[in-house]
């Protein structure tokens, strides 16, 4: 039932990604292919990230960005900020993964929050790790001020 609600939210919110993911999960359930669920749970995020990184790498692979421009960008303020941001983001992703391993039930809130972000704020769901990382940082701040 929850997947059907997610599908409807995706359709109403005009989020093709969420609607397609929910529809595929419903089809797998309908076809009684639940044995694929552990594989999707274990490797789905990794597979999705592979495709995300591939999409980002297309301009490099297609030769639309010359190596000299890439090298030069490291010595600009935006380039340095991008490097720092990448390091911070991956560290937060790691914290998110650890949090989700300790408290798996938080995944429900992260998924629903992601759906709300996509449907109502035009967000892009790139995965629960960053949301988990932000949650880990906010929980740490909460512990500090509590």
C-alpha atoms as a PDB file:
ATOM      1  CA  UNK A   1       0.000   0.000   0.000  1.00  0.00           C
ATOM      2  CA  UNK A   2       2.828   2.392   0.839  1.00  0.00           C
ATOM      3  CA  UNK A   3       4.400   1.922  -2.602  1.00  0.00           C
ATOM      4  CA  UNK A   4       1.075   2.802  -4.227  1.00  0.00           C
ATOM      5  CA  UNK A   5       0.962   6.026  -2.198  1.00  0.00           C
ATOM      6  CA  UNK A   6       4.530   6.812  -3.276  1.00  0.00           C
ATOM      7  CA  UNK A   7       3.516   6.192  -6.903  1.00  0.00           C
ATOM      8  CA  UNK A   8       0.556   8.554  -6.569  1.00  0.00           C
ATOM      9  CA  UNK A   9       2.707  11.225  -4.906  1.00  0.00           C
ATOM     10  CA  UNK A  10       5.237  10.884  -7.702  1.00  0.00           C
ATOM     11  CA  UNK A  11       2.540  11.276 -10.344  1.00  0.00           C
ATOM     12  CA  UNK A  12       0.839  14.189  -8.575  1.00  0.00           C
ATOM     13  CA  UNK A  13       4.177  15.868  -7.963  1.00  0.00           C
ATOM     14  CA  UNK A  14       5.242  15.281 -11.572  1.00  0.00           C
ATOM     15  CA  UNK A  15       8.340  13.398 -10.416  1.00  0.00           C
ATOM     16  CA  UNK A  16       9.082  10.829 -13.095  1.00  0.00           C
ATOM     17  CA  UNK A  17      11.926   9.338 -11.052  1.00  0.00           C
ATOM     18  CA  UNK A  18       9.821   8.607  -7.972  1.00  0.00           C
ATOM     19  CA  UNK A  19       6.817   7.474 -10.025  1.00  0.00           C
ATOM     20  CA  UNK A  20       8.960   5.142 -12.150  1.00  0.00           C
ATOM     21  CA  UNK A  21      10.740   3.663  -9.122  1.00  0.00           C
ATOM     22  CA  UNK A  22       7.449   3.029  -7.328  1.00  0.00           C
ATOM     23  CA  UNK A  23       5.880   1.568 -10.487  1.00  0.00           C
ATOM     24  CA  UNK A  24       8.807  -0.814 -10.952  1.00  0.00           C
ATOM     25  CA  UNK A  25       8.539  -1.927  -7.322  1.00  0.00           C
ATOM     26  CA  UNK A  26       4.802  -2.539  -7.778  1.00  0.00           C
ATOM     27  CA  UNK A  27       5.467  -4.556 -10.932  1.00  0.00           C
ATOM     28  CA  UNK A  28       8.069  -6.645  -9.100  1.00  0.00           C
ATOM     29  CA  UNK A  29       5.546  -7.294  -6.323  1.00  0.00           C
ATOM     30  CA  UNK A  30       2.807  -8.145  -8.821  1.00  0.00           C
ATOM     31  CA  UNK A  31       5.116 -10.563 -10.639  1.00  0.00           C
ATOM     32  CA  UNK A  32       6.103 -12.071  -7.280  1.00  0.00           C
ATOM     33  CA  UNK A  33       9.755 -11.227  -7.826  1.00  0.00           C
ATOM     34  CA  UNK A  34      10.381 -10.232  -4.210  1.00  0.00           C
ATOM     35  CA  UNK A  35      13.588 -12.279  -4.286  1.00  0.00           C
ATOM     36  CA  UNK A  36      15.061  -9.316  -6.190  1.00  0.00           C
ATOM     37  CA  UNK A  37      14.379  -6.961  -3.275  1.00  0.00           C
ATOM     38  CA  UNK A  38      17.529  -7.883  -1.291  1.00  0.00           C
ATOM     39  CA  UNK A  39      19.658  -7.368  -4.416  1.00  0.00           C
ATOM     40  CA  UNK A  40      18.038  -3.989  -5.052  1.00  0.00           C
ATOM     41  CA  UNK A  41      18.426  -3.055  -1.406  1.00  0.00           C
ATOM     42  CA  UNK A  42      22.074  -4.128  -1.349  1.00  0.00           C
ATOM     43  CA  UNK A  43      23.251  -2.881  -4.758  1.00  0.00           C
ATOM     44  CA  UNK A  44      20.558  -0.516  -6.063  1.00  0.00           C
ATOM     45  CA  UNK A  45      22.070   2.617  -4.565  1.00  0.00           C
ATOM     46  CA  UNK A  46      25.473   1.739  -5.955  1.00  0.00           C
ATOM     47  CA  UNK A  47      24.028   1.061  -9.403  1.00  0.00           C
ATOM     48  CA  UNK A  48      22.101   4.332  -9.326  1.00  0.00           C
ATOM     49  CA  UNK A  49      25.245   6.225  -8.344  1.00  0.00           C
ATOM     50  CA  UNK A  50      27.153   4.593 -11.201  1.00  0.00           C
ATOM     51  CA  UNK A  51      24.606   5.972 -13.672  1.00  0.00           C
ATOM     52  CA  UNK A  52      24.626   9.377 -11.951  1.00  0.00           C
ATOM     53  CA  UNK A  53      28.423   9.613 -12.172  1.00  0.00           C
ATOM     54  CA  UNK A  54      28.350   8.403 -15.784  1.00  0.00           C
ATOM     55  CA  UNK A  55      25.925  11.206 -16.675  1.00  0.00           C
ATOM     56  CA  UNK A  56      28.205  13.768 -15.024  1.00  0.00           C
ATOM     57  CA  UNK A  57      31.273  12.365 -16.821  1.00  0.00           C
ATOM     58  CA  UNK A  58      29.750  12.567 -20.319  1.00  0.00           C
ATOM     59  CA  UNK A  59      31.138  16.078 -21.052  1.00  0.00           C
ATOM     60  CA  UNK A  60      34.644  14.853 -20.157  1.00  0.00           C
ATOM     61  CA  UNK A  61      34.341  11.635 -22.156  1.00  0.00           C
ATOM     62  CA  UNK A  62      32.911  13.539 -25.128  1.00  0.00           C
ATOM     63  CA  UNK A  63      35.860  15.944 -25.033  1.00  0.00           C
ATOM     64  CA  UNK A  64      33.684  19.011 -24.459  1.00  0.00           C
ATOM     65  CA  UNK A  65      35.823  20.106 -21.504  1.00  0.00           C
ATOM     66  CA  UNK A  66      39.542  20.298 -22.285  1.00  0.00           C
ATOM     67  CA  UNK A  67      42.011  18.993 -19.655  1.00  0.00           C
ATOM     68  CA  UNK A  68      43.598  22.446 -19.396  1.00  0.00           C
ATOM     69  CA  UNK A  69      40.262  23.922 -18.302  1.00  0.00           C
ATOM     70  CA  UNK A  70      39.822  21.195 -15.700  1.00  0.00           C
ATOM     71  CA  UNK A  71      43.325  21.772 -14.316  1.00  0.00           C
ATOM     72  CA  UNK A  72      42.862  25.558 -14.321  1.00  0.00           C
ATOM     73  CA  UNK A  73      39.576  25.248 -12.411  1.00  0.00           C
ATOM     74  CA  UNK A  74      41.396  23.815  -9.390  1.00  0.00           C
ATOM     75  CA  UNK A  75      43.139  27.145  -8.908  1.00  0.00           C
ATOM     76  CA  UNK A  76      40.011  29.291  -8.852  1.00  0.00           C
ATOM     77  CA  UNK A  77      37.898  30.115  -5.823  1.00  0.00           C
ATOM     78  CA  UNK A  78      34.861  28.221  -7.215  1.00  0.00           C
ATOM     79  CA  UNK A  79      37.122  25.260  -8.065  1.00  0.00           C
ATOM     80  CA  UNK A  80      38.603  25.151  -4.560  1.00  0.00           C
ATOM     81  CA  UNK A  81      35.137  25.466  -3.034  1.00  0.00           C
ATOM     82  CA  UNK A  82      34.012  22.563  -5.241  1.00  0.00           C
ATOM     83  CA  UNK A  83      36.923  20.418  -3.992  1.00  0.00           C
ATOM     84  CA  UNK A  84      36.141  21.223  -0.363  1.00  0.00           C
ATOM     85  CA  UNK A  85      32.421  20.645  -0.959  1.00  0.00           C
ATOM     86  CA  UNK A  86      33.125  17.239  -2.484  1.00  0.00           C
ATOM     87  CA  UNK A  87      35.220  16.243   0.524  1.00  0.00           C
ATOM     88  CA  UNK A  88      32.578  17.481   2.991  1.00  0.00           C
ATOM     89  CA  UNK A  89      29.746  15.792   1.071  1.00  0.00           C
ATOM     90  CA  UNK A  90      31.467  12.406   0.970  1.00  0.00           C
ATOM     91  CA  UNK A  91      32.259  12.654   4.680  1.00  0.00           C
ATOM     92  CA  UNK A  92      28.607  13.451   5.385  1.00  0.00           C
ATOM     93  CA  UNK A  93      27.534  10.535   3.173  1.00  0.00           C
ATOM     94  CA  UNK A  94      29.714   8.253   5.301  1.00  0.00           C
ATOM     95  CA  UNK A  95      28.107   9.605   8.469  1.00  0.00           C
ATOM     96  CA  UNK A  96      24.695   9.056   6.872  1.00  0.00           C
ATOM     97  CA  UNK A  97      25.543   5.450   6.055  1.00  0.00           C
ATOM     98  CA  UNK A  98      26.708   4.815   9.620  1.00  0.00           C
ATOM     99  CA  UNK A  99      23.541   6.413  11.012  1.00  0.00           C
ATOM    100  CA  UNK A 100      21.311   4.309   8.763  1.00  0.00           C
ATOM    101  CA  UNK A 101      23.195   1.163   9.768  1.00  0.00           C
ATOM    102  CA  UNK A 102      22.677   2.010  13.458  1.00  0.00           C
ATOM    103  CA  UNK A 103      19.047   3.149  13.106  1.00  0.00           C
ATOM    104  CA  UNK A 104      17.548   1.643   9.925  1.00  0.00           C
ATOM    105  CA  UNK A 105      14.052   2.882  10.814  1.00  0.00           C
ATOM    106  CA  UNK A 106      15.190   6.424   9.966  1.00  0.00           C
ATOM    107  CA  UNK A 107      15.130   5.394   6.300  1.00  0.00           C
ATOM    108  CA  UNK A 108      11.345   5.805   6.262  1.00  0.00           C
ATOM    109  CA  UNK A 109      11.591   9.447   7.307  1.00  0.00           C
ATOM    110  CA  UNK A 110      14.407  10.084   4.841  1.00  0.00           C
ATOM    111  CA  UNK A 111      12.422   8.576   1.977  1.00  0.00           C
ATOM    112  CA  UNK A 112       9.252  10.469   2.873  1.00  0.00           C
ATOM    113  CA  UNK A 113      11.264  13.663   3.291  1.00  0.00           C
ATOM    114  CA  UNK A 114      12.845  13.085  -0.115  1.00  0.00           C
ATOM    115  CA  UNK A 115       9.424  12.587  -1.662  1.00  0.00           C
ATOM    116  CA  UNK A 116       8.195  15.813  -0.061  1.00  0.00           C
ATOM    117  CA  UNK A 117      11.297  17.612  -1.339  1.00  0.00           C
ATOM    118  CA  UNK A 118      10.778  16.332  -4.881  1.00  0.00           C
ATOM    119  CA  UNK A 119       7.017  16.785  -5.020  1.00  0.00           C
ATOM    120  CA  UNK A 120       6.694  20.167  -3.317  1.00  0.00           C
ATOM    121  CA  UNK A 121      10.089  21.847  -3.692  1.00  0.00           C
ATOM    122  CA  UNK A 122      11.393  20.564  -7.023  1.00  0.00           C
ATOM    123  CA  UNK A 123      14.211  18.621  -5.366  1.00  0.00           C
ATOM    124  CA  UNK A 124      16.196  15.836  -6.981  1.00  0.00           C
ATOM    125  CA  UNK A 125      16.408  12.522  -5.116  1.00  0.00           C
ATOM    126  CA  UNK A 126      20.022  11.388  -5.332  1.00  0.00           C
ATOM    127  CA  UNK A 127      19.845   8.920  -2.489  1.00  0.00           C
ATOM    128  CA  UNK A 128      19.392   8.525   1.221  1.00  0.00           C
ATOM    129  CA  UNK A 129      23.057   8.862   2.162  1.00  0.00           C
ATOM    130  CA  UNK A 130      23.245  12.643   1.884  1.00  0.00           C
ATOM    131  CA  UNK A 131      19.904  12.997   3.647  1.00  0.00           C
ATOM    132  CA  UNK A 132      21.244  10.611   6.295  1.00  0.00           C
ATOM    133  CA  UNK A 133      24.443  12.645   6.520  1.00  0.00           C
ATOM    134  CA  UNK A 134      22.490  15.838   7.080  1.00  0.00           C
ATOM    135  CA  UNK A 135      20.370  14.013   9.662  1.00  0.00           C
ATOM    136  CA  UNK A 136      23.552  12.779  11.396  1.00  0.00           C
ATOM    137  CA  UNK A 137      24.951  16.322  11.577  1.00  0.00           C
ATOM    138  CA  UNK A 138      21.639  17.736  12.814  1.00  0.00           C
ATOM    139  CA  UNK A 139      21.347  14.960  15.415  1.00  0.00           C
ATOM    140  CA  UNK A 140      24.904  15.695  16.596  1.00  0.00           C
ATOM    141  CA  UNK A 141      24.035  19.402  16.903  1.00  0.00           C
ATOM    142  CA  UNK A 142      20.869  18.473  18.776  1.00  0.00           C
ATOM    143  CA  UNK A 143      22.915  16.351  21.208  1.00  0.00           C
ATOM    144  CA  UNK A 144      25.292  19.280  21.769  1.00  0.00           C
ATOM    145  CA  UNK A 145      22.592  21.824  22.621  1.00  0.00           C
ATOM    146  CA  UNK A 146      20.362  19.416  24.509  1.00  0.00           C
END
